[in-house]
Every structure is written in structure tokens, then in C-alpha cells.
Amino acid sequence: TIYGFFWSAFFASKLEHESKHCNGKGLQRLGSSAFDRVYTANQNCGHAYPTFLAVLWCAGLLCSQAPAAFAGLMYLFVRQKYFVGYLGERTQSTPGYLFGKRIILFLFLMSLAGILNYYLIFFFGSDFEIHIKTITSAISPLLLIP
């Protein structure tokens, strides 16, 4: 979470730098194409961040911490790739976007598995936590495949 804060601060500083470079005053949106790209990329990253935090914490608390932390770090690097790709041509940001969606899906499925395991324990007394942790630990390196 703290690492994600620093990435958000980096995105904001890029936005501020581009704004001052284009306008010379402050954060004003005047229509420069470079500024518009930085502004849009910053907005997209900012809007996706709460969803990422929610599934990251749920996956870590309900399922397994190590794979969730690995996926979280991967997501932050992918968002950096998305942001930098968006500054070039917009088609360069597509791989980062798709890769990020896959990581969010993985974290969501981890959260779902943790919730399912809780209800299996509650209703049936069956605990599959060890199996779930083994599976998520084995699957998390597959996130590195583009």
C-alpha cells in the first residue's frame, strides 16, 4: 500500500511537471496533447487504485499473503508500464492495461477462494486453506507470462 502511494505520487509529479512545461502556471487543462495524455493516464491510474487496494487486502487477509503481495507488486509495475505507454502512443498502453486486468482478476479469485473456504469451515467443518495456499502460490508465478 505504501509502495502504491509512492507510485501515485510519481504519477502526480509527472502531471504537475507536464502542466508547468505546457502552461507555465499551474494545473490547468488547456488542450495540449502531451498534457492531455499525462492527465488521462493519471486519472485512469487513480480511478483503478481503490479497486486494486480492495482486492489486494481481501486476497491477503482471506487467502494467502505472499501470492497477494507478489501480485500487488506486479500490478504496480504493470500500472507503471501502462502510464509510460500512455505517454507515447495510446496503443502502447494496451499491454499494461490487459496485464493489469489479469492481475486484478487473480486477486479477486483469491478473495473469492478465501471467502468460500470460510463458509466451508463454518457450515461443514472442512478447511481447505492449505490447498488454496498451495494453488495460489503455484499460480502466482504464471502472472509473469505476458
N, C-alpha and C. Protein backbone atom coordinates (compact mmCIF):
# COMPACT_ATOMS: atom_id res chain seq x y z
N THR A 1 0.83 -1.19 0.00
CA THR A 1 0.00 0.00 0.00
C THR A 1 0.87 1.25 0.00
N ILE A 2 1.93 1.23 0.80
CA ILE A 2 2.82 2.40 0.84
C ILE A 2 3.55 2.55 -0.49
N TYR A 3 3.96 1.43 -1.06
CA TYR A 3 4.63 1.46 -2.36
C TYR A 3 3.69 2.03 -3.42
N GLY A 4 2.43 1.67 -3.36
CA GLY A 4 1.43 2.21 -4.27
C GLY A 4 1.24 3.70 -4.09
N PHE A 5 1.35 4.16 -2.87
CA PHE A 5 1.28 5.60 -2.62
C PHE A 5 2.41 6.33 -3.33
N PHE A 6 3.60 5.77 -3.30
CA PHE A 6 4.74 6.41 -3.96
C PHE A 6 4.55 6.42 -5.48
N TRP A 7 3.97 5.35 -6.04
CA TRP A 7 3.69 5.35 -7.47
C TRP A 7 2.67 6.43 -7.80
N SER A 8 1.65 6.59 -6.98
CA SER A 8 0.65 7.64 -7.22
C SER A 8 1.28 9.02 -7.14
N ALA A 9 2.19 9.20 -6.19
CA ALA A 9 2.90 10.48 -6.09
C ALA A 9 3.76 10.72 -7.32
N PHE A 10 4.38 9.67 -7.84
CA PHE A 10 5.17 9.80 -9.06
C PHE A 10 4.30 10.23 -10.23
N PHE A 11 3.11 9.61 -10.37
CA PHE A 11 2.20 9.98 -11.44
C PHE A 11 1.77 11.44 -11.30
N ALA A 12 1.48 11.85 -10.08
CA ALA A 12 1.05 13.23 -9.85
C ALA A 12 2.18 14.22 -10.16
N SER A 13 3.40 13.85 -9.82
CA SER A 13 4.52 14.76 -10.12
C SER A 13 4.74 14.88 -11.63
N LYS A 14 4.54 13.78 -12.36
CA LYS A 14 4.63 13.84 -13.83
C LYS A 14 3.56 14.77 -14.39
N LEU A 15 2.36 14.69 -13.82
CA LEU A 15 1.27 15.55 -14.25
C LEU A 15 1.60 17.01 -13.98
N GLU A 16 2.11 17.28 -12.80
CA GLU A 16 2.46 18.66 -12.45
C GLU A 16 3.59 19.18 -13.35
N HIS A 17 4.57 18.34 -13.60
CA HIS A 17 5.69 18.75 -14.46
C HIS A 17 5.21 19.07 -15.86
N GLU A 18 4.36 18.22 -16.41
CA GLU A 18 3.85 18.44 -17.76
C GLU A 18 2.97 19.68 -17.82
N SER A 19 2.21 19.92 -16.76
CA SER A 19 1.37 21.10 -16.71
C SER A 19 2.20 22.37 -16.70
N LYS A 20 3.25 22.39 -15.91
CA LYS A 20 4.11 23.57 -15.85
C LYS A 20 4.88 23.74 -17.15
N HIS A 21 5.25 22.62 -17.77
CA HIS A 21 6.00 22.68 -19.02
C HIS A 21 5.13 23.25 -20.14
N CYS A 22 3.86 22.83 -20.17
CA CYS A 22 2.96 23.27 -21.23
C CYS A 22 2.39 24.66 -20.99
N ASN A 23 2.02 24.96 -19.75
CA ASN A 23 1.30 26.20 -19.46
C ASN A 23 2.15 27.25 -18.77
N GLY A 24 3.05 26.82 -17.93
CA GLY A 24 3.84 27.76 -17.16
C GLY A 24 3.15 28.23 -15.90
N LYS A 25 1.91 27.89 -15.68
CA LYS A 25 1.20 28.36 -14.48
C LYS A 25 0.92 27.22 -13.53
N GLY A 26 -0.15 26.64 -13.52
CA GLY A 26 -0.49 25.57 -12.58
C GLY A 26 -1.17 24.45 -13.31
N LEU A 27 -1.99 23.72 -12.58
CA LEU A 27 -2.71 22.61 -13.19
C LEU A 27 -3.94 23.14 -13.93
N GLN A 28 -3.73 23.53 -15.16
CA GLN A 28 -4.83 23.99 -15.99
C GLN A 28 -4.87 23.13 -17.23
N ARG A 29 -6.02 22.75 -17.61
CA ARG A 29 -6.19 21.86 -18.75
C ARG A 29 -6.53 22.69 -19.98
N LEU A 30 -5.52 22.98 -20.79
CA LEU A 30 -5.74 23.85 -21.94
C LEU A 30 -5.77 23.12 -23.27
N GLY A 31 -5.53 21.85 -23.31
CA GLY A 31 -5.68 21.14 -24.56
C GLY A 31 -4.39 20.70 -25.21
N SER A 32 -3.25 20.85 -24.57
CA SER A 32 -2.00 20.34 -25.12
C SER A 32 -2.09 18.83 -25.18
N SER A 33 -1.67 18.25 -26.30
CA SER A 33 -1.82 16.80 -26.43
C SER A 33 -0.94 16.05 -25.43
N ALA A 34 0.27 16.54 -25.16
CA ALA A 34 1.13 15.86 -24.17
C ALA A 34 0.51 15.95 -22.79
N PHE A 35 -0.01 17.11 -22.44
CA PHE A 35 -0.64 17.26 -21.13
C PHE A 35 -1.89 16.39 -21.02
N ASP A 36 -2.68 16.35 -22.10
CA ASP A 36 -3.89 15.52 -22.08
C ASP A 36 -3.58 14.05 -21.87
N ARG A 37 -2.51 13.57 -22.49
CA ARG A 37 -2.12 12.17 -22.30
C ARG A 37 -1.71 11.91 -20.86
N VAL A 38 -0.91 12.80 -20.28
CA VAL A 38 -0.47 12.63 -18.89
C VAL A 38 -1.67 12.73 -17.95
N TYR A 39 -2.54 13.68 -18.21
CA TYR A 39 -3.71 13.86 -17.36
C TYR A 39 -4.62 12.63 -17.41
N THR A 40 -4.88 12.12 -18.61
CA THR A 40 -5.75 10.96 -18.76
C THR A 40 -5.14 9.72 -18.12
N ALA A 41 -3.84 9.52 -18.33
CA ALA A 41 -3.17 8.37 -17.71
C ALA A 41 -3.22 8.46 -16.19
N ASN A 42 -3.02 9.66 -15.65
CA ASN A 42 -3.08 9.85 -14.20
C ASN A 42 -4.48 9.58 -13.68
N GLN A 43 -5.49 10.05 -14.38
CA GLN A 43 -6.88 9.82 -13.97
C GLN A 43 -7.21 8.33 -14.01
N ASN A 44 -6.80 7.65 -15.08
CA ASN A 44 -7.08 6.21 -15.20
C ASN A 44 -6.42 5.43 -14.08
N CYS A 45 -5.19 5.77 -13.76
CA CYS A 45 -4.49 5.06 -12.67
C CYS A 45 -5.15 5.36 -11.33
N GLY A 46 -5.55 6.61 -11.14
CA GLY A 46 -6.20 6.99 -9.89
C GLY A 46 -7.55 6.33 -9.69
N HIS A 47 -8.29 6.14 -10.78
CA HIS A 47 -9.60 5.51 -10.67
C HIS A 47 -9.50 4.01 -10.43
N ALA A 48 -8.44 3.39 -10.89
CA ALA A 48 -8.28 1.94 -10.71
C ALA A 48 -7.67 1.59 -9.36
N TYR A 49 -7.04 2.55 -8.70
CA TYR A 49 -6.30 2.27 -7.47
C TYR A 49 -7.19 1.78 -6.31
N PRO A 50 -8.37 2.35 -6.04
CA PRO A 50 -9.20 1.83 -4.95
C PRO A 50 -9.64 0.38 -5.16
N THR A 51 -9.95 0.02 -6.39
CA THR A 51 -10.32 -1.36 -6.68
C THR A 51 -9.15 -2.29 -6.40
N PHE A 52 -7.97 -1.87 -6.84
CA PHE A 52 -6.77 -2.67 -6.59
C PHE A 52 -6.54 -2.86 -5.10
N LEU A 53 -6.64 -1.80 -4.32
CA LEU A 53 -6.41 -1.92 -2.88
C LEU A 53 -7.42 -2.85 -2.22
N ALA A 54 -8.68 -2.76 -2.64
CA ALA A 54 -9.71 -3.60 -2.04
C ALA A 54 -9.43 -5.08 -2.29
N VAL A 55 -9.15 -5.45 -3.53
CA VAL A 55 -8.92 -6.87 -3.80
C VAL A 55 -7.58 -7.33 -3.26
N LEU A 56 -6.59 -6.44 -3.21
CA LEU A 56 -5.29 -6.81 -2.64
C LEU A 56 -5.43 -7.16 -1.17
N TRP A 57 -6.08 -6.30 -0.41
CA TRP A 57 -6.22 -6.55 1.03
C TRP A 57 -7.13 -7.75 1.30
N CYS A 58 -8.19 -7.90 0.54
CA CYS A 58 -9.07 -9.06 0.73
C CYS A 58 -8.34 -10.35 0.42
N ALA A 59 -7.59 -10.37 -0.66
CA ALA A 59 -6.84 -11.58 -1.02
C ALA A 59 -5.78 -11.89 0.03
N GLY A 60 -5.11 -10.87 0.52
CA GLY A 60 -4.08 -11.10 1.53
C GLY A 60 -4.65 -11.56 2.86
N LEU A 61 -5.76 -10.98 3.27
CA LEU A 61 -6.34 -11.33 4.57
C LEU A 61 -7.14 -12.63 4.53
N LEU A 62 -7.84 -12.88 3.44
CA LEU A 62 -8.73 -14.03 3.38
C LEU A 62 -8.10 -15.28 2.78
N CYS A 63 -7.02 -15.11 2.02
CA CYS A 63 -6.47 -16.27 1.33
C CYS A 63 -5.01 -16.50 1.69
N SER A 64 -4.10 -15.79 1.07
CA SER A 64 -2.68 -16.02 1.30
C SER A 64 -1.91 -14.72 1.06
N GLN A 65 -1.04 -14.38 1.99
CA GLN A 65 -0.37 -13.09 1.93
C GLN A 65 0.72 -13.02 0.88
N ALA A 66 1.54 -14.05 0.76
CA ALA A 66 2.68 -13.99 -0.15
C ALA A 66 2.26 -13.86 -1.62
N PRO A 67 1.35 -14.71 -2.13
CA PRO A 67 0.93 -14.52 -3.52
C PRO A 67 0.21 -13.20 -3.75
N ALA A 68 -0.54 -12.74 -2.75
CA ALA A 68 -1.24 -11.46 -2.88
C ALA A 68 -0.23 -10.31 -2.95
N ALA A 69 0.80 -10.37 -2.14
CA ALA A 69 1.83 -9.33 -2.17
C ALA A 69 2.58 -9.36 -3.50
N PHE A 70 2.89 -10.55 -3.99
CA PHE A 70 3.56 -10.68 -5.28
C PHE A 70 2.70 -10.09 -6.39
N ALA A 71 1.43 -10.45 -6.41
CA ALA A 71 0.52 -9.93 -7.42
C ALA A 71 0.36 -8.41 -7.29
N GLY A 72 0.36 -7.90 -6.06
CA GLY A 72 0.27 -6.46 -5.85
C GLY A 72 1.46 -5.72 -6.41
N LEU A 73 2.65 -6.25 -6.17
CA LEU A 73 3.85 -5.63 -6.73
C LEU A 73 3.84 -5.69 -8.26
N MET A 74 3.42 -6.83 -8.78
CA MET A 74 3.32 -6.95 -10.24
C MET A 74 2.34 -5.93 -10.80
N TYR A 75 1.22 -5.74 -10.11
CA TYR A 75 0.23 -4.77 -10.57
C TYR A 75 0.80 -3.36 -10.61
N LEU A 76 1.57 -3.01 -9.59
CA LEU A 76 2.14 -1.66 -9.57
C LEU A 76 3.13 -1.47 -10.71
N PHE A 77 3.93 -2.48 -11.01
CA PHE A 77 4.84 -2.37 -12.14
C PHE A 77 4.10 -2.31 -13.46
N VAL A 78 2.99 -3.05 -13.56
CA VAL A 78 2.19 -3.03 -14.77
C VAL A 78 1.53 -1.67 -14.95
N ARG A 79 1.07 -1.07 -13.86
CA ARG A 79 0.48 0.27 -13.96
C ARG A 79 1.52 1.30 -14.40
N GLN A 80 2.76 1.11 -13.95
CA GLN A 80 3.83 1.99 -14.41
C GLN A 80 4.02 1.83 -15.92
N LYS A 81 3.99 0.60 -16.39
CA LYS A 81 4.11 0.33 -17.83
C LYS A 81 2.95 0.96 -18.58
N TYR A 82 1.76 0.85 -18.02
CA TYR A 82 0.57 1.45 -18.63
C TYR A 82 0.74 2.97 -18.71
N PHE A 83 1.18 3.57 -17.61
CA PHE A 83 1.33 5.03 -17.56
C PHE A 83 2.35 5.50 -18.57
N VAL A 84 3.50 4.86 -18.60
CA VAL A 84 4.56 5.26 -19.53
C VAL A 84 4.12 4.99 -20.97
N GLY A 85 3.43 3.87 -21.19
CA GLY A 85 2.92 3.58 -22.52
C GLY A 85 1.89 4.60 -22.98
N TYR A 86 1.10 5.10 -22.07
CA TYR A 86 0.09 6.10 -22.40
C TYR A 86 0.72 7.42 -22.79
N LEU A 87 1.92 7.70 -22.29
CA LEU A 87 2.59 8.94 -22.63
C LEU A 87 3.08 8.92 -24.08
N GLY A 88 3.35 7.73 -24.60
CA GLY A 88 3.72 7.60 -26.02
C GLY A 88 2.45 7.56 -26.83
N GLU A 89 2.33 6.53 -27.62
CA GLU A 89 1.08 6.32 -28.35
C GLU A 89 0.13 5.54 -27.46
N ARG A 90 -1.14 5.76 -27.64
CA ARG A 90 -2.11 5.11 -26.77
C ARG A 90 -2.12 3.59 -26.94
N THR A 91 -1.70 3.11 -28.10
CA THR A 91 -1.67 1.66 -28.31
C THR A 91 -0.58 1.00 -27.49
N GLN A 92 0.42 1.76 -27.05
CA GLN A 92 1.48 1.20 -26.22
C GLN A 92 0.99 0.90 -24.81
N SER A 93 -0.10 1.50 -24.40
CA SER A 93 -0.62 1.26 -23.05
C SER A 93 -1.49 0.01 -22.97
N THR A 94 -1.91 -0.53 -24.10
CA THR A 94 -2.82 -1.67 -24.11
C THR A 94 -2.26 -2.90 -23.40
N PRO A 95 -0.99 -3.31 -23.63
CA PRO A 95 -0.49 -4.48 -22.90
C PRO A 95 -0.51 -4.29 -21.38
N GLY A 96 -0.14 -3.12 -20.91
CA GLY A 96 -0.18 -2.85 -19.48
C GLY A 96 -1.59 -2.91 -18.92
N TYR A 97 -2.54 -2.42 -19.68
CA TYR A 97 -3.94 -2.44 -19.25
C TYR A 97 -4.46 -3.88 -19.15
N LEU A 98 -4.20 -4.67 -20.18
CA LEU A 98 -4.69 -6.05 -20.19
C LEU A 98 -4.00 -6.90 -19.11
N PHE A 99 -2.72 -6.69 -18.93
CA PHE A 99 -1.97 -7.41 -17.90
C PHE A 99 -2.51 -7.04 -16.51
N GLY A 100 -2.81 -5.76 -16.31
CA GLY A 100 -3.38 -5.31 -15.04
C GLY A 100 -4.74 -5.93 -14.76
N LYS A 101 -5.56 -6.05 -15.79
CA LYS A 101 -6.87 -6.70 -15.60
C LYS A 101 -6.71 -8.14 -15.17
N ARG A 102 -5.72 -8.83 -15.73
CA ARG A 102 -5.49 -10.23 -15.36
C ARG A 102 -5.05 -10.34 -13.91
N ILE A 103 -4.24 -9.42 -13.45
CA ILE A 103 -3.78 -9.45 -12.05
C ILE A 103 -4.93 -9.15 -11.10
N ILE A 104 -5.76 -8.17 -11.45
CA ILE A 104 -6.94 -7.86 -10.63
C ILE A 104 -7.86 -9.08 -10.56
N LEU A 105 -8.04 -9.78 -11.68
CA LEU A 105 -8.86 -10.99 -11.69
C LEU A 105 -8.27 -12.06 -10.77
N PHE A 106 -6.96 -12.23 -10.80
CA PHE A 106 -6.30 -13.20 -9.93
C PHE A 106 -6.53 -12.85 -8.46
N LEU A 107 -6.37 -11.58 -8.11
CA LEU A 107 -6.59 -11.16 -6.72
C LEU A 107 -8.06 -11.35 -6.32
N PHE A 108 -8.96 -11.07 -7.23
CA PHE A 108 -10.38 -11.27 -6.95
C PHE A 108 -10.70 -12.74 -6.72
N LEU A 109 -10.13 -13.61 -7.55
CA LEU A 109 -10.36 -15.05 -7.38
C LEU A 109 -9.75 -15.56 -6.08
N MET A 110 -8.61 -15.00 -5.68
CA MET A 110 -8.03 -15.36 -4.38
C MET A 110 -8.98 -14.96 -3.25
N SER A 111 -9.55 -13.77 -3.35
CA SER A 111 -10.51 -13.31 -2.33
C SER A 111 -11.73 -14.21 -2.29
N LEU A 112 -12.21 -14.57 -3.45
CA LEU A 112 -13.37 -15.45 -3.54
C LEU A 112 -13.06 -16.82 -2.93
N ALA A 113 -11.87 -17.35 -3.19
CA ALA A 113 -11.48 -18.65 -2.62
C ALA A 113 -11.39 -18.56 -1.10
N GLY A 114 -10.89 -17.44 -0.58
CA GLY A 114 -10.82 -17.26 0.87
C GLY A 114 -12.19 -17.20 1.51
N ILE A 115 -13.12 -16.51 0.86
CA ILE A 115 -14.49 -16.42 1.37
C ILE A 115 -15.16 -17.79 1.32
N LEU A 116 -14.98 -18.49 0.21
CA LEU A 116 -15.55 -19.83 0.07
C LEU A 116 -15.00 -20.77 1.15
N ASN A 117 -13.71 -20.69 1.41
CA ASN A 117 -13.11 -21.53 2.45
C ASN A 117 -13.69 -21.20 3.83
N TYR A 118 -13.92 -19.94 4.10
CA TYR A 118 -14.52 -19.54 5.38
C TYR A 118 -15.89 -20.20 5.55
N TYR A 119 -16.72 -20.15 4.51
CA TYR A 119 -18.05 -20.74 4.61
C TYR A 119 -18.00 -22.26 4.67
N LEU A 120 -17.02 -22.87 4.01
CA LEU A 120 -16.87 -24.33 4.13
C LEU A 120 -16.51 -24.72 5.55
N ILE A 121 -15.66 -23.92 6.19
CA ILE A 121 -15.31 -24.19 7.59
C ILE A 121 -16.53 -23.98 8.48
N PHE A 122 -17.25 -22.91 8.25
CA PHE A 122 -18.39 -22.54 9.07
C PHE A 122 -19.52 -23.56 8.98
N PHE A 123 -19.87 -23.98 7.77
CA PHE A 123 -21.01 -24.87 7.60
C PHE A 123 -20.66 -26.36 7.66
N PHE A 124 -19.49 -26.73 7.14
CA PHE A 124 -19.18 -28.16 7.01
C PHE A 124 -17.98 -28.60 7.84
N GLY A 125 -17.23 -27.69 8.37
CA GLY A 125 -16.06 -28.05 9.16
C GLY A 125 -14.87 -28.47 8.32
N SER A 126 -14.94 -28.26 7.02
CA SER A 126 -13.83 -28.64 6.12
C SER A 126 -12.94 -27.42 5.88
N ASP A 127 -11.66 -27.59 6.11
CA ASP A 127 -10.71 -26.50 5.91
C ASP A 127 -9.80 -26.83 4.74
N PHE A 128 -9.88 -26.02 3.70
CA PHE A 128 -9.06 -26.20 2.51
C PHE A 128 -7.98 -25.13 2.39
N GLU A 129 -7.66 -24.49 3.49
CA GLU A 129 -6.72 -23.37 3.47
C GLU A 129 -5.35 -23.78 2.92
N ILE A 130 -4.86 -24.94 3.33
CA ILE A 130 -3.54 -25.39 2.86
C ILE A 130 -3.57 -25.63 1.36
N HIS A 131 -4.64 -26.22 0.86
CA HIS A 131 -4.76 -26.47 -0.57
C HIS A 131 -4.86 -25.16 -1.36
N ILE A 132 -5.63 -24.22 -0.84
CA ILE A 132 -5.79 -22.93 -1.51
C ILE A 132 -4.46 -22.18 -1.54
N LYS A 133 -3.73 -22.18 -0.43
CA LYS A 133 -2.44 -21.51 -0.40
C LYS A 133 -1.45 -22.16 -1.36
N THR A 134 -1.48 -23.47 -1.45
CA THR A 134 -0.58 -24.18 -2.37
C THR A 134 -0.92 -23.82 -3.82
N ILE A 135 -2.19 -23.81 -4.14
CA ILE A 135 -2.61 -23.49 -5.51
C ILE A 135 -2.27 -22.05 -5.87
N THR A 136 -2.57 -21.11 -4.98
CA THR A 136 -2.27 -19.71 -5.30
C THR A 136 -0.77 -19.45 -5.36
N SER A 137 0.00 -20.13 -4.53
CA SER A 137 1.45 -19.98 -4.61
C SER A 137 2.00 -20.55 -5.91
N ALA A 138 1.39 -21.60 -6.40
CA ALA A 138 1.84 -22.20 -7.66
C ALA A 138 1.40 -21.38 -8.87
N ILE A 139 0.23 -20.75 -8.79
CA ILE A 139 -0.29 -19.99 -9.92
C ILE A 139 0.31 -18.60 -10.01
N SER A 140 0.68 -17.99 -8.89
CA SER A 140 1.14 -16.60 -8.93
C SER A 140 2.35 -16.37 -9.83
N PRO A 141 3.33 -17.28 -9.95
CA PRO A 141 4.41 -17.02 -10.92
C PRO A 141 3.93 -16.98 -12.37
N LEU A 142 2.78 -17.60 -12.65
CA LEU A 142 2.25 -17.56 -14.00
C LEU A 142 1.81 -16.15 -14.41
N LEU A 143 1.67 -15.25 -13.43
CA LEU A 143 1.33 -13.87 -13.74
C LEU A 143 2.43 -13.17 -14.52
N LEU A 144 3.65 -13.72 -14.46
CA LEU A 144 4.77 -13.12 -15.17
C LEU A 144 4.70 -13.36 -16.68
N ILE A 145 3.91 -14.33 -17.11
CA ILE A 145 3.78 -14.62 -18.53
C ILE A 145 2.93 -13.53 -19.17
N PRO A 146 3.46 -12.83 -20.17
CA PRO A 146 2.69 -11.74 -20.79
C PRO A 146 1.52 -12.21 -21.61
